[in-house]
Amino acid sequence: MKSFRRHSATVNAGSMADIAFLLLIFFLVTTTISADKGILRQLPKICETGNCVADIAERNLLRIGVNDNQEIMIDGTIAKLHEIKPKVEAFLDNNGLSTCDYCVGSKDAESSDHPKKAVISLSHASLTKYDNFVAVQDEITKAYYKLRARYAQQTFNKLPEDLTKSELKLVQEAYPFIVSEVMVK
């Protein structure tokens, strides 16, 4: 008898590489890669004069810190996250009298002389959690936004979103965002 021997079936894999390449190109073209967003902060301008260290009066300095235990300190007193925004607003605005140079009223001794002179010093320890630090920054930003929105409403009778570029610049000049960020070891 004759023996029949079966040959193993072979598959031509030449076209498989083409198909894999086409699939790869298809997925690269159709997939959207989300871009990470960072914190929108503007770096300080380059100092062109010889003396770049400004003396800040103690009254015009609000110290906010986050320590290794994730505790928030405002001028040396432990505070909660939700307390930052009202304290920053009160410090900057000084009973609504800080942007009005001719107003008559009693200014708070704990607040700054004027928003243009007010500096918020934000310090954090090396073991501060990133999300805690960003949450503190967000509260400070919310305080500035609220004061700027109120000023825009009083001055231009508009919401901040409806301001022109020149009006927005005037609002930002009335309440300049002056925050000093420092890492404490």
N, C-alpha and C. Protein backbone atom coordinates (compact mmCIF):
# COMPACT_ATOMS: atom_id res chain seq x y z
N MET A 1 0.78 -1.16 0.00
CA MET A 1 0.00 0.00 0.00
C MET A 1 0.84 1.25 0.00
N LYS A 2 0.21 2.20 -0.57
CA LYS A 2 0.87 3.49 -0.64
C LYS A 2 0.55 4.28 0.61
N SER A 3 1.54 4.87 1.14
CA SER A 3 1.25 5.71 2.31
C SER A 3 1.08 7.17 1.87
N PHE A 4 0.04 7.69 2.40
CA PHE A 4 -0.20 9.11 2.11
C PHE A 4 0.30 9.95 3.26
N ARG A 5 1.04 10.84 2.91
CA ARG A 5 1.63 11.71 3.91
C ARG A 5 1.02 13.11 3.78
N ARG A 6 0.56 13.59 4.89
CA ARG A 6 -0.04 14.93 4.83
C ARG A 6 1.04 15.96 5.09
N HIS A 7 1.00 16.97 4.32
CA HIS A 7 1.90 18.11 4.54
C HIS A 7 1.18 19.12 5.39
N SER A 8 1.93 19.74 6.27
CA SER A 8 1.29 20.75 7.11
C SER A 8 0.90 21.96 6.26
N ALA A 9 -0.23 22.49 6.63
CA ALA A 9 -0.73 23.63 5.87
C ALA A 9 0.06 24.87 6.24
N THR A 10 0.43 25.65 5.29
CA THR A 10 1.15 26.89 5.53
C THR A 10 0.26 28.06 5.19
N VAL A 11 0.43 29.09 5.97
CA VAL A 11 -0.34 30.31 5.74
C VAL A 11 0.63 31.38 5.30
N ASN A 12 0.27 32.03 4.24
CA ASN A 12 1.10 33.12 3.74
C ASN A 12 0.90 34.32 4.66
N ALA A 13 1.92 34.68 5.41
CA ALA A 13 1.81 35.76 6.39
C ALA A 13 2.26 37.10 5.82
N GLY A 14 2.56 37.17 4.59
CA GLY A 14 3.01 38.42 3.98
C GLY A 14 1.97 39.51 4.08
N SER A 15 0.72 39.18 3.89
CA SER A 15 -0.33 40.20 3.93
C SER A 15 -0.71 40.56 5.37
N MET A 16 -0.38 39.71 6.35
CA MET A 16 -0.69 40.01 7.74
C MET A 16 0.06 41.26 8.23
N ALA A 17 1.28 41.40 7.81
CA ALA A 17 2.05 42.58 8.20
C ALA A 17 1.41 43.83 7.62
N ASP A 18 0.92 43.75 6.41
CA ASP A 18 0.26 44.91 5.79
C ASP A 18 -1.02 45.28 6.56
N ILE A 19 -1.78 44.26 6.94
CA ILE A 19 -3.02 44.51 7.66
C ILE A 19 -2.71 45.12 9.04
N ALA A 20 -1.72 44.58 9.73
CA ALA A 20 -1.35 45.13 11.05
C ALA A 20 -0.89 46.58 10.91
N PHE A 21 -0.13 46.88 9.90
CA PHE A 21 0.33 48.24 9.67
C PHE A 21 -0.84 49.18 9.40
N LEU A 22 -1.80 48.75 8.58
CA LEU A 22 -2.97 49.57 8.28
C LEU A 22 -3.82 49.80 9.53
N LEU A 23 -3.98 48.77 10.37
CA LEU A 23 -4.73 48.94 11.60
C LEU A 23 -4.02 49.93 12.55
N LEU A 24 -2.72 49.83 12.62
CA LEU A 24 -1.96 50.75 13.45
C LEU A 24 -2.15 52.18 12.99
N ILE A 25 -2.06 52.40 11.71
CA ILE A 25 -2.26 53.76 11.15
C ILE A 25 -3.69 54.23 11.42
N PHE A 26 -4.66 53.35 11.25
CA PHE A 26 -6.05 53.72 11.49
C PHE A 26 -6.24 54.18 12.94
N PHE A 27 -5.72 53.43 13.90
CA PHE A 27 -5.89 53.80 15.31
C PHE A 27 -5.11 55.07 15.66
N LEU A 28 -3.97 55.28 15.07
CA LEU A 28 -3.22 56.51 15.33
C LEU A 28 -3.96 57.74 14.81
N VAL A 29 -4.60 57.59 13.66
CA VAL A 29 -5.30 58.72 13.05
C VAL A 29 -6.61 59.02 13.78
N THR A 30 -7.32 58.00 14.22
CA THR A 30 -8.65 58.22 14.80
C THR A 30 -8.64 58.45 16.31
N THR A 31 -7.57 58.12 17.00
CA THR A 31 -7.51 58.27 18.45
C THR A 31 -7.13 59.70 18.82
N THR A 32 -7.84 60.24 19.79
CA THR A 32 -7.48 61.56 20.31
C THR A 32 -6.72 61.36 21.61
N ILE A 33 -5.63 62.05 21.74
CA ILE A 33 -4.82 61.97 22.94
C ILE A 33 -5.07 63.24 23.74
N SER A 34 -5.57 63.06 24.94
CA SER A 34 -5.89 64.24 25.75
C SER A 34 -4.60 64.90 26.22
N ALA A 35 -4.59 66.20 26.10
CA ALA A 35 -3.42 66.97 26.53
C ALA A 35 -3.57 67.30 28.01
N ASP A 36 -2.53 67.10 28.77
CA ASP A 36 -2.55 67.45 30.18
C ASP A 36 -2.54 68.97 30.31
N LYS A 37 -3.31 69.44 31.25
CA LYS A 37 -3.34 70.88 31.50
C LYS A 37 -2.63 71.15 32.80
N GLY A 38 -1.90 72.21 32.82
CA GLY A 38 -1.19 72.60 34.03
C GLY A 38 -1.91 73.72 34.74
N ILE A 39 -1.27 74.27 35.71
CA ILE A 39 -1.82 75.40 36.45
C ILE A 39 -1.47 76.66 35.69
N LEU A 40 -2.47 77.47 35.43
CA LEU A 40 -2.23 78.70 34.69
C LEU A 40 -1.65 79.76 35.61
N ARG A 41 -0.38 79.94 35.53
CA ARG A 41 0.31 80.96 36.31
C ARG A 41 1.29 81.67 35.40
N GLN A 42 1.46 82.93 35.63
CA GLN A 42 2.40 83.71 34.85
C GLN A 42 3.66 83.89 35.69
N LEU A 43 4.79 83.59 35.11
CA LEU A 43 6.05 83.74 35.82
C LEU A 43 6.35 85.22 36.04
N PRO A 44 7.05 85.55 37.10
CA PRO A 44 7.37 86.96 37.33
C PRO A 44 8.26 87.51 36.22
N LYS A 45 8.11 88.80 35.98
CA LYS A 45 8.90 89.45 34.93
C LYS A 45 10.36 89.53 35.36
N ILE A 46 11.23 89.56 34.39
CA ILE A 46 12.66 89.64 34.65
C ILE A 46 12.97 91.02 35.23
N CYS A 47 13.75 91.02 36.28
CA CYS A 47 14.12 92.26 36.94
C CYS A 47 15.21 92.94 36.12
N GLU A 48 14.94 94.13 35.66
CA GLU A 48 15.91 94.84 34.82
C GLU A 48 16.69 95.88 35.61
N THR A 49 16.24 96.17 36.81
CA THR A 49 16.97 97.12 37.65
C THR A 49 17.88 96.34 38.59
N GLY A 50 18.75 97.03 39.24
CA GLY A 50 19.68 96.37 40.16
C GLY A 50 19.02 95.89 41.44
N ASN A 51 18.03 96.63 41.95
CA ASN A 51 17.39 96.28 43.20
C ASN A 51 16.05 95.60 42.90
N CYS A 52 16.00 94.29 43.04
CA CYS A 52 14.79 93.54 42.68
C CYS A 52 14.07 92.99 43.90
N VAL A 53 14.55 93.31 45.07
CA VAL A 53 13.91 92.85 46.29
C VAL A 53 13.12 94.00 46.87
N ALA A 54 11.82 93.83 46.94
CA ALA A 54 10.97 94.89 47.47
C ALA A 54 10.70 94.64 48.95
N ASP A 55 10.72 95.70 49.72
CA ASP A 55 10.35 95.61 51.13
C ASP A 55 8.84 95.67 51.21
N ILE A 56 8.26 94.69 51.87
CA ILE A 56 6.81 94.61 51.99
C ILE A 56 6.46 94.84 53.46
N ALA A 57 5.56 95.78 53.67
CA ALA A 57 5.12 96.05 55.04
C ALA A 57 4.39 94.82 55.57
N GLU A 58 4.59 94.53 56.83
CA GLU A 58 3.98 93.34 57.45
C GLU A 58 2.46 93.36 57.30
N ARG A 59 1.89 94.54 57.34
CA ARG A 59 0.43 94.67 57.20
C ARG A 59 -0.04 94.20 55.83
N ASN A 60 0.79 94.33 54.82
CA ASN A 60 0.40 93.98 53.45
C ASN A 60 0.79 92.56 53.07
N LEU A 61 1.13 91.73 54.04
CA LEU A 61 1.57 90.36 53.78
C LEU A 61 0.67 89.37 54.50
N LEU A 62 0.04 88.48 53.74
CA LEU A 62 -0.78 87.42 54.30
C LEU A 62 -0.05 86.10 54.07
N ARG A 63 0.31 85.44 55.17
CA ARG A 63 1.07 84.19 55.07
C ARG A 63 0.12 83.00 55.16
N ILE A 64 0.15 82.17 54.11
CA ILE A 64 -0.62 80.93 54.09
C ILE A 64 0.39 79.80 53.89
N GLY A 65 0.32 78.80 54.72
CA GLY A 65 1.26 77.69 54.62
C GLY A 65 0.58 76.35 54.77
N VAL A 66 1.19 75.33 54.16
CA VAL A 66 0.73 73.96 54.31
C VAL A 66 1.92 73.16 54.81
N ASN A 67 1.78 72.50 55.96
CA ASN A 67 2.91 71.79 56.53
C ASN A 67 2.92 70.31 56.13
N ASP A 68 3.86 69.55 56.70
CA ASP A 68 4.00 68.13 56.38
C ASP A 68 2.78 67.31 56.77
N ASN A 69 2.03 67.77 57.77
CA ASN A 69 0.84 67.06 58.23
C ASN A 69 -0.41 67.47 57.46
N GLN A 70 -0.23 68.23 56.37
CA GLN A 70 -1.33 68.71 55.51
C GLN A 70 -2.23 69.70 56.24
N GLU A 71 -1.71 70.35 57.27
CA GLU A 71 -2.46 71.37 57.98
C GLU A 71 -2.24 72.71 57.31
N ILE A 72 -3.30 73.48 57.19
CA ILE A 72 -3.23 74.80 56.57
C ILE A 72 -3.10 75.84 57.68
N MET A 73 -2.13 76.71 57.52
CA MET A 73 -1.90 77.77 58.50
C MET A 73 -2.08 79.13 57.81
N ILE A 74 -2.88 79.98 58.42
CA ILE A 74 -3.04 81.35 57.92
C ILE A 74 -2.53 82.28 59.01
N ASP A 75 -1.44 82.96 58.73
CA ASP A 75 -0.77 83.84 59.70
C ASP A 75 -0.55 83.13 61.04
N GLY A 76 -0.09 81.90 60.98
CA GLY A 76 0.28 81.15 62.18
C GLY A 76 -0.86 80.43 62.88
N THR A 77 -2.08 80.55 62.40
CA THR A 77 -3.21 79.85 63.02
C THR A 77 -3.72 78.77 62.09
N ILE A 78 -4.02 77.61 62.65
CA ILE A 78 -4.54 76.51 61.84
C ILE A 78 -5.92 76.87 61.32
N ALA A 79 -6.13 76.61 60.02
CA ALA A 79 -7.40 76.94 59.38
C ALA A 79 -7.83 75.78 58.49
N LYS A 80 -9.09 75.78 58.15
CA LYS A 80 -9.65 74.79 57.22
C LYS A 80 -9.60 75.35 55.81
N LEU A 81 -9.70 74.47 54.84
CA LEU A 81 -9.62 74.88 53.43
C LEU A 81 -10.69 75.91 53.08
N HIS A 82 -11.91 75.71 53.57
CA HIS A 82 -13.01 76.63 53.22
C HIS A 82 -12.85 78.01 53.86
N GLU A 83 -11.92 78.17 54.80
CA GLU A 83 -11.70 79.47 55.44
C GLU A 83 -10.74 80.36 54.66
N ILE A 84 -10.04 79.79 53.68
CA ILE A 84 -9.02 80.56 52.95
C ILE A 84 -9.65 81.67 52.13
N LYS A 85 -10.67 81.34 51.33
CA LYS A 85 -11.27 82.32 50.43
C LYS A 85 -11.78 83.56 51.16
N PRO A 86 -12.60 83.42 52.22
CA PRO A 86 -13.06 84.65 52.90
C PRO A 86 -11.93 85.44 53.55
N LYS A 87 -10.92 84.74 54.07
CA LYS A 87 -9.79 85.47 54.69
C LYS A 87 -8.99 86.25 53.65
N VAL A 88 -8.78 85.64 52.48
CA VAL A 88 -8.04 86.33 51.42
C VAL A 88 -8.85 87.52 50.92
N GLU A 89 -10.16 87.33 50.75
CA GLU A 89 -11.02 88.44 50.31
C GLU A 89 -10.97 89.60 51.29
N ALA A 90 -11.12 89.29 52.58
CA ALA A 90 -11.10 90.35 53.60
C ALA A 90 -9.75 91.04 53.64
N PHE A 91 -8.67 90.27 53.50
CA PHE A 91 -7.32 90.84 53.52
C PHE A 91 -7.11 91.79 52.34
N LEU A 92 -7.52 91.36 51.15
CA LEU A 92 -7.31 92.18 49.96
C LEU A 92 -8.22 93.40 49.93
N ASP A 93 -9.46 93.20 50.29
CA ASP A 93 -10.47 94.24 50.08
C ASP A 93 -10.55 95.26 51.20
N ASN A 94 -10.28 94.86 52.41
CA ASN A 94 -10.30 95.76 53.56
C ASN A 94 -11.62 96.51 53.67
N ASN A 95 -12.68 95.76 53.88
CA ASN A 95 -14.04 96.30 54.05
C ASN A 95 -14.52 97.10 52.85
N GLY A 96 -14.06 96.76 51.68
CA GLY A 96 -14.50 97.46 50.47
C GLY A 96 -13.87 98.82 50.29
N LEU A 97 -12.95 99.19 51.16
CA LEU A 97 -12.36 100.53 51.11
C LEU A 97 -10.99 100.54 50.46
N SER A 98 -10.45 99.38 50.16
CA SER A 98 -9.07 99.35 49.69
C SER A 98 -8.90 99.87 48.26
N THR A 99 -9.91 99.75 47.41
CA THR A 99 -9.78 100.25 46.05
C THR A 99 -10.29 101.68 45.91
N CYS A 100 -10.82 102.21 46.98
CA CYS A 100 -11.37 103.56 46.97
C CYS A 100 -10.45 104.45 47.81
N ASP A 101 -9.70 105.31 47.14
CA ASP A 101 -8.74 106.16 47.84
C ASP A 101 -9.39 107.35 48.54
N TYR A 102 -10.59 107.72 48.13
CA TYR A 102 -11.24 108.90 48.69
C TYR A 102 -12.40 108.54 49.63
N CYS A 103 -12.67 107.25 49.84
CA CYS A 103 -13.80 106.83 50.68
C CYS A 103 -13.51 107.12 52.14
N VAL A 104 -14.58 107.37 52.88
CA VAL A 104 -14.47 107.59 54.31
C VAL A 104 -15.07 106.37 54.99
N GLY A 105 -14.34 105.81 55.90
CA GLY A 105 -14.81 104.62 56.61
C GLY A 105 -13.66 104.06 57.42
N SER A 106 -13.96 103.03 58.16
CA SER A 106 -12.90 102.45 58.99
C SER A 106 -12.29 101.25 58.28
N LYS A 107 -11.00 101.34 58.08
CA LYS A 107 -10.28 100.23 57.49
C LYS A 107 -9.88 99.26 58.59
N ASP A 108 -9.89 97.99 58.26
CA ASP A 108 -9.53 96.95 59.21
C ASP A 108 -8.02 96.93 59.37
N ALA A 109 -7.56 96.91 60.60
CA ALA A 109 -6.12 96.91 60.87
C ALA A 109 -5.45 95.60 60.47
N GLU A 110 -6.24 94.53 60.33
CA GLU A 110 -5.69 93.22 59.95
C GLU A 110 -5.56 93.07 58.43
N SER A 111 -6.10 93.98 57.68
CA SER A 111 -6.10 93.87 56.23
C SER A 111 -5.04 94.74 55.59
N SER A 112 -4.85 94.54 54.30
CA SER A 112 -3.82 95.29 53.57
C SER A 112 -4.25 96.73 53.35
N ASP A 113 -3.26 97.56 53.04
CA ASP A 113 -3.55 98.96 52.74
C ASP A 113 -4.32 99.10 51.43
N HIS A 114 -3.95 98.30 50.45
CA HIS A 114 -4.51 98.41 49.11
C HIS A 114 -4.24 97.10 48.37
N PRO A 115 -5.14 96.64 47.49
CA PRO A 115 -4.89 95.39 46.77
C PRO A 115 -3.60 95.40 45.95
N LYS A 116 -3.18 96.58 45.51
CA LYS A 116 -1.94 96.66 44.73
C LYS A 116 -0.71 96.46 45.61
N LYS A 117 -0.86 96.65 46.90
CA LYS A 117 0.25 96.47 47.83
C LYS A 117 0.20 95.11 48.53
N ALA A 118 -0.94 94.43 48.44
CA ALA A 118 -1.14 93.17 49.15
C ALA A 118 -0.39 92.03 48.47
N VAL A 119 0.31 91.24 49.29
CA VAL A 119 1.04 90.08 48.80
C VAL A 119 0.61 88.88 49.62
N ILE A 120 0.31 87.79 48.93
CA ILE A 120 -0.02 86.55 49.61
C ILE A 120 1.18 85.64 49.48
N SER A 121 1.74 85.25 50.60
CA SER A 121 2.89 84.37 50.63
C SER A 121 2.40 82.95 50.88
N LEU A 122 2.49 82.10 49.87
CA LEU A 122 2.04 80.72 49.96
C LEU A 122 3.26 79.83 50.09
N SER A 123 3.38 79.18 51.25
CA SER A 123 4.52 78.29 51.47
C SER A 123 4.02 76.88 51.72
N HIS A 124 4.87 75.93 51.38
CA HIS A 124 4.51 74.53 51.59
C HIS A 124 5.76 73.75 51.96
N ALA A 125 5.54 72.69 52.70
CA ALA A 125 6.64 71.81 53.10
C ALA A 125 6.94 70.83 51.98
N SER A 126 8.07 70.18 52.07
CA SER A 126 8.46 69.25 51.00
C SER A 126 7.56 68.02 50.94
N LEU A 127 6.88 67.68 52.02
CA LEU A 127 5.99 66.51 52.02
C LEU A 127 4.52 66.87 51.85
N THR A 128 4.24 68.11 51.48
CA THR A 128 2.87 68.52 51.22
C THR A 128 2.35 67.78 50.00
N LYS A 129 1.13 67.28 50.11
CA LYS A 129 0.53 66.58 48.97
C LYS A 129 0.15 67.58 47.90
N TYR A 130 0.38 67.16 46.66
CA TYR A 130 0.16 68.05 45.53
C TYR A 130 -1.30 68.51 45.46
N ASP A 131 -2.25 67.59 45.65
CA ASP A 131 -3.66 67.97 45.53
C ASP A 131 -4.07 68.95 46.64
N ASN A 132 -3.46 68.85 47.80
CA ASN A 132 -3.74 69.79 48.88
C ASN A 132 -3.20 71.18 48.53
N PHE A 133 -2.00 71.24 47.98
CA PHE A 133 -1.39 72.50 47.59
C PHE A 133 -2.22 73.18 46.49
N VAL A 134 -2.65 72.40 45.51
CA VAL A 134 -3.47 72.95 44.42
C VAL A 134 -4.82 73.43 44.94
N ALA A 135 -5.40 72.72 45.90
CA ALA A 135 -6.68 73.14 46.48
C ALA A 135 -6.53 74.50 47.18
N VAL A 136 -5.41 74.71 47.86
CA VAL A 136 -5.16 76.01 48.50
C VAL A 136 -5.01 77.10 47.44
N GLN A 137 -4.27 76.80 46.38
CA GLN A 137 -4.12 77.76 45.27
C GLN A 137 -5.48 78.10 44.66
N ASP A 138 -6.33 77.10 44.50
CA ASP A 138 -7.65 77.33 43.93
C ASP A 138 -8.49 78.26 44.80
N GLU A 139 -8.41 78.10 46.11
CA GLU A 139 -9.16 78.97 47.00
C GLU A 139 -8.68 80.42 46.90
N ILE A 140 -7.39 80.60 46.78
CA ILE A 140 -6.84 81.96 46.61
C ILE A 140 -7.32 82.55 45.29
N THR A 141 -7.29 81.75 44.24
CA THR A 141 -7.75 82.21 42.92
C THR A 141 -9.23 82.56 42.95
N LYS A 142 -10.04 81.76 43.64
CA LYS A 142 -11.48 82.06 43.75
C LYS A 142 -11.71 83.40 44.44
N ALA A 143 -10.92 83.69 45.45
CA ALA A 143 -11.07 84.96 46.16
C ALA A 143 -10.77 86.13 45.22
N TYR A 144 -9.69 86.01 44.47
CA TYR A 144 -9.36 87.07 43.50
C TYR A 144 -10.46 87.20 42.45
N TYR A 145 -10.97 86.08 41.98
CA TYR A 145 -12.01 86.13 40.94
C TYR A 145 -13.27 86.83 41.48
N LYS A 146 -13.65 86.51 42.71
CA LYS A 146 -14.85 87.13 43.28
C LYS A 146 -14.68 88.64 43.42
N LEU A 147 -13.53 89.07 43.90
CA LEU A 147 -13.28 90.51 44.04
C LEU A 147 -13.24 91.21 42.68
N ARG A 148 -12.60 90.56 41.72
CA ARG A 148 -12.54 91.14 40.37
C ARG A 148 -13.92 91.20 39.74
N ALA A 149 -14.73 90.17 39.95
CA ALA A 149 -16.09 90.15 39.38
C ALA A 149 -16.94 91.25 39.99
N ARG A 150 -16.82 91.44 41.31
CA ARG A 150 -17.57 92.51 41.97
C ARG A 150 -17.12 93.89 41.48
N TYR A 151 -15.81 94.06 41.32
CA TYR A 151 -15.28 95.33 40.83
C TYR A 151 -15.76 95.59 39.39
N ALA A 152 -15.77 94.55 38.56
CA ALA A 152 -16.24 94.70 37.17
C ALA A 152 -17.71 95.07 37.14
N GLN A 153 -18.49 94.48 38.02
CA GLN A 153 -19.92 94.78 38.09
C GLN A 153 -20.15 96.22 38.55
N GLN A 154 -19.40 96.66 39.56
CA GLN A 154 -19.56 98.02 40.07
C GLN A 154 -19.06 99.07 39.09
N THR A 155 -17.94 98.78 38.42
CA THR A 155 -17.31 99.78 37.56
C THR A 155 -17.92 99.82 36.16
N PHE A 156 -18.10 98.63 35.56
CA PHE A 156 -18.54 98.57 34.17
C PHE A 156 -19.95 98.00 34.00
N ASN A 157 -20.55 97.58 35.11
CA ASN A 157 -21.87 96.94 35.08
C ASN A 157 -21.88 95.74 34.13
N LYS A 158 -20.81 94.95 34.19
CA LYS A 158 -20.67 93.77 33.35
C LYS A 158 -20.09 92.62 34.15
N LEU A 159 -20.36 91.43 33.66
CA LEU A 159 -19.70 90.25 34.23
C LEU A 159 -18.29 90.16 33.66
N PRO A 160 -17.38 89.48 34.33
CA PRO A 160 -16.00 89.39 33.81
C PRO A 160 -15.92 88.79 32.41
N GLU A 161 -16.82 87.87 32.09
CA GLU A 161 -16.80 87.24 30.76
C GLU A 161 -17.17 88.22 29.65
N ASP A 162 -17.90 89.29 30.00
CA ASP A 162 -18.38 90.25 29.00
C ASP A 162 -17.46 91.46 28.84
N LEU A 163 -16.38 91.52 29.58
CA LEU A 163 -15.49 92.67 29.52
C LEU A 163 -14.65 92.67 28.25
N THR A 164 -14.33 93.85 27.77
CA THR A 164 -13.39 93.96 26.66
C THR A 164 -11.98 93.76 27.22
N LYS A 165 -11.01 93.64 26.33
CA LYS A 165 -9.63 93.43 26.80
C LYS A 165 -9.13 94.60 27.63
N SER A 166 -9.47 95.80 27.23
CA SER A 166 -9.01 96.97 27.98
C SER A 166 -9.70 97.06 29.34
N GLU A 167 -11.00 96.73 29.40
CA GLU A 167 -11.71 96.73 30.68
C GLU A 167 -11.17 95.63 31.59
N LEU A 168 -10.89 94.47 31.02
CA LEU A 168 -10.34 93.36 31.81
C LEU A 168 -8.98 93.73 32.38
N LYS A 169 -8.19 94.44 31.59
CA LYS A 169 -6.88 94.86 32.07
C LYS A 169 -7.03 95.83 33.25
N LEU A 170 -8.00 96.73 33.19
CA LEU A 170 -8.24 97.66 34.30
C LEU A 170 -8.69 96.92 35.56
N VAL A 171 -9.52 95.89 35.39
CA VAL A 171 -9.97 95.09 36.53
C VAL A 171 -8.79 94.34 37.15
N GLN A 172 -7.94 93.77 36.29
CA GLN A 172 -6.77 93.05 36.79
C GLN A 172 -5.78 93.98 37.46
N GLU A 173 -5.69 95.21 37.01
CA GLU A 173 -4.82 96.20 37.65
C GLU A 173 -5.38 96.63 39.00
N ALA A 174 -6.70 96.66 39.13
CA ALA A 174 -7.32 97.04 40.40
C ALA A 174 -7.06 95.98 41.47
N TYR A 175 -7.09 94.71 41.05
CA TYR A 175 -6.81 93.60 41.96
C TYR A 175 -5.72 92.72 41.34
N PRO A 176 -4.47 93.15 41.39
CA PRO A 176 -3.40 92.35 40.78
C PRO A 176 -3.15 91.06 41.57
N PHE A 177 -2.93 89.99 40.85
CA PHE A 177 -2.71 88.67 41.46
C PHE A 177 -1.25 88.58 41.88
N ILE A 178 -0.96 88.89 43.14
CA ILE A 178 0.40 88.88 43.64
C ILE A 178 0.51 87.79 44.71
N VAL A 179 1.03 86.65 44.28
CA VAL A 179 1.21 85.50 45.16
C VAL A 179 2.65 85.06 45.08
N SER A 180 3.29 84.94 46.22
CA SER A 180 4.66 84.45 46.29
C SER A 180 4.61 83.00 46.77
N GLU A 181 5.18 82.09 46.00
CA GLU A 181 5.16 80.68 46.37
C GLU A 181 6.56 80.23 46.76
N VAL A 182 6.66 79.62 47.95
CA VAL A 182 7.95 79.22 48.50
C VAL A 182 7.83 77.82 49.09
N MET A 183 8.86 77.01 48.91
CA MET A 183 8.91 75.71 49.56
C MET A 183 9.79 75.81 50.79
N VAL A 184 9.25 75.41 51.92
CA VAL A 184 9.99 75.44 53.18
C VAL A 184 10.51 74.04 53.45
N LYS A 185 11.75 73.95 53.84
CA LYS A 185 12.34 72.61 54.05
C LYS A 185 12.05 72.08 55.42
